[in-house]
C-alpha cells in the first residue's frame, strides 16, 4: 500500500488534479473534503468526462470525479481485498482506517507481490469490458 497519498479537493480544477498526477506519476487521486473521502478522480475521468466533452481546464474536480467510492479497511485480509477489486473491476482502491480516514491506496500491483495466482485472477476480472466504474 502507498501511504503518502496526495488528495484533491472537489473545488480544485481538473488542471490542478492533472498537475498533481503528473508530479507524482499517478493516474488517480482521492478527492477529500472536511477530512472525508468524497470521490476519486482518474486521468481517464479528466480525459473522458471533461476534455472529450469540451470542458475547460478550470472545471472543478467534482464535475469529473466518481462520487461512488469503493474502499477497503487497513486491517482487511489482502486476499479478500484482491477478490473485491476483481469483482468491482478496480485497479486501485483507497484504504481507510475504522474511522473512515484515508490512510493509503492499494493497487493490484501491491497485492500481486503477495500472491501471484490470486492477483492474476483478479486482473483477469478487472480487464473485462464494462463494469461499475466504466465511463
Protein backbone atom coordinates (compact mmCIF):
# COMPACT_ATOMS: atom_id res chain seq x y z
CA UNK A 1 0.00 0.00 0.00
CA UNK A 2 1.12 3.52 -0.71
CA UNK A 3 0.76 5.57 2.46
CA UNK A 4 1.84 9.05 1.34
CA UNK A 5 -1.29 9.89 -0.66
CA UNK A 6 -1.98 13.20 -2.34
CA UNK A 7 -5.61 14.30 -2.09
CA UNK A 8 -7.52 16.67 -4.37
CA UNK A 9 -10.37 18.87 -3.24
CA UNK A 10 -13.69 18.83 -5.11
CA UNK A 11 -13.12 22.57 -5.60
CA UNK A 12 -9.71 22.07 -7.26
CA UNK A 13 -9.65 22.34 -11.03
CA UNK A 14 -9.08 19.36 -13.26
CA UNK A 15 -5.87 21.07 -14.37
CA UNK A 16 -4.65 21.17 -10.76
CA UNK A 17 -5.54 17.48 -10.37
CA UNK A 18 -3.74 16.60 -13.60
CA UNK A 19 -0.68 18.57 -12.47
CA UNK A 20 -0.57 16.62 -9.20
CA UNK A 21 -0.95 13.33 -11.10
CA UNK A 22 1.92 14.31 -13.39
CA UNK A 23 4.14 15.35 -10.49
CA UNK A 24 3.61 12.13 -8.51
CA UNK A 25 3.37 9.87 -11.59
CA UNK A 26 -0.08 8.54 -10.68
CA UNK A 27 -3.28 8.03 -12.63
CA UNK A 28 -5.66 8.51 -9.72
CA UNK A 29 -6.27 10.90 -6.85
CA UNK A 30 -8.63 10.54 -3.94
CA UNK A 31 -10.91 13.53 -3.52
CA UNK A 32 -11.41 14.69 0.04
CA UNK A 33 -13.45 17.31 1.81
CA UNK A 34 -13.69 18.04 5.55
CA UNK A 35 -11.37 15.13 6.36
CA UNK A 36 -13.60 12.68 4.45
CA UNK A 37 -13.16 10.79 1.21
CA UNK A 38 -15.86 12.04 -1.20
CA UNK A 39 -14.67 10.70 -4.54
CA UNK A 40 -11.88 9.59 -6.82
CA UNK A 41 -10.62 11.23 -9.99
CA UNK A 42 -8.54 9.44 -12.59
CA UNK A 43 -6.63 10.62 -15.62
CA UNK A 44 -9.30 8.84 -17.66
CA UNK A 45 -12.07 10.78 -15.87
CA UNK A 46 -10.34 14.01 -16.87
CA UNK A 47 -9.95 12.87 -20.47
CA UNK A 48 -13.41 11.31 -20.95
CA UNK A 49 -15.71 13.20 -18.59
CA UNK A 50 -14.16 16.61 -19.12
CA UNK A 51 -11.84 17.15 -22.09
CA UNK A 52 -13.82 14.98 -24.54
CA UNK A 53 -16.94 16.96 -23.64
CA UNK A 54 -15.26 20.31 -24.24
CA UNK A 55 -14.83 21.27 -20.59
CA UNK A 56 -12.13 23.78 -19.78
CA UNK A 57 -9.08 23.34 -17.55
CA UNK A 58 -10.84 25.35 -14.85
CA UNK A 59 -13.61 22.75 -14.49
CA UNK A 60 -13.96 21.72 -10.84
CA UNK A 61 -12.86 18.19 -9.95
CA UNK A 62 -16.38 17.47 -8.59
CA UNK A 63 -17.71 17.63 -12.18
CA UNK A 64 -15.39 14.88 -13.45
CA UNK A 65 -14.81 12.66 -10.41
CA UNK A 66 -16.51 9.40 -9.50
CA UNK A 67 -18.56 10.07 -6.38
CA UNK A 68 -19.15 6.43 -5.56
CA UNK A 69 -16.02 5.33 -3.76
CA UNK A 70 -15.18 1.68 -3.18
CA UNK A 71 -12.68 1.30 -0.37
CA UNK A 72 -11.20 -1.25 1.98
CA UNK A 73 -10.09 -1.10 5.59
CA UNK A 74 -6.43 -1.18 6.55
CA UNK A 75 -6.96 -4.36 8.54
CA UNK A 76 -8.88 -6.26 5.83
CA UNK A 77 -7.47 -9.56 4.58
CA UNK A 78 -5.35 -8.97 1.45
CA UNK A 79 -6.92 -11.87 -0.45
CA UNK A 80 -10.43 -10.55 0.24
CA UNK A 81 -9.39 -7.07 -0.92
CA UNK A 82 -7.93 -8.57 -4.08
CA UNK A 83 -11.11 -10.54 -4.76
CA UNK A 84 -13.21 -7.43 -4.16
CA UNK A 85 -11.05 -5.42 -6.56
CA UNK A 86 -11.62 -8.10 -9.20
CA UNK A 87 -15.37 -8.15 -8.58
CA UNK A 88 -15.58 -4.35 -8.75
CA UNK A 89 -13.12 -4.13 -11.68
CA UNK A 90 -10.83 -1.71 -9.84
CA UNK A 91 -7.09 -1.48 -10.30
CA UNK A 92 -6.63 0.74 -7.24
CA UNK A 93 -8.60 1.13 -4.03
CA UNK A 94 -8.40 3.67 -1.22
CA UNK A 95 -7.55 2.25 2.19
CA UNK A 96 -9.22 3.76 5.26
CA UNK A 97 -8.98 3.17 8.98
CA UNK A 98 -12.02 2.16 11.03
CA UNK A 99 -12.88 5.88 11.46
CA UNK A 100 -13.01 6.03 7.65
CA UNK A 101 -9.98 8.31 7.42
CA UNK A 102 -7.79 7.77 4.36
CA UNK A 103 -4.53 6.01 5.22
CA UNK A 104 -3.35 4.92 1.77
CA UNK A 105 -4.09 3.43 -1.63
CA UNK A 106 -3.58 -0.20 -2.58
CA UNK A 107 -3.06 -1.29 -6.16
CA UNK A 108 -3.33 -4.62 -7.91
CA UNK A 109 0.47 -4.43 -8.21
CA UNK A 110 0.88 -4.07 -4.44
CA UNK A 111 -1.22 -7.18 -3.91
CA UNK A 112 0.44 -9.11 -6.73
CA UNK A 113 3.61 -9.19 -4.66
CA UNK A 114 1.71 -11.20 -2.04
CA UNK A 115 0.01 -13.84 -4.21
CA UNK A 116 0.59 -14.03 -7.96
CA UNK A 117 -2.13 -16.65 -8.53
CA UNK A 118 -4.91 -14.63 -6.87
CA UNK A 119 -3.74 -11.36 -8.42
CA UNK A 120 -3.79 -12.96 -11.88
CA UNK A 121 -7.44 -13.96 -11.43
CA UNK A 122 -8.33 -10.50 -10.10
CA UNK A 123 -6.56 -8.84 -13.04
CA UNK A 124 -8.48 -11.09 -15.44
CA UNK A 125 -11.76 -9.91 -13.86
CA UNK A 126 -10.66 -6.26 -13.83
CA UNK A 127 -9.75 -6.39 -17.52
CA UNK A 128 -13.25 -7.48 -18.61
CA UNK A 129 -15.20 -4.88 -20.61
CA UNK A 130 -17.76 -2.79 -18.74
CA UNK A 131 -18.01 -2.75 -15.01
CA UNK A 132 -19.45 -0.44 -12.41
CA UNK A 133 -16.92 2.33 -12.93
CA UNK A 134 -16.63 2.21 -16.71
CA UNK A 135 -17.14 5.56 -18.39
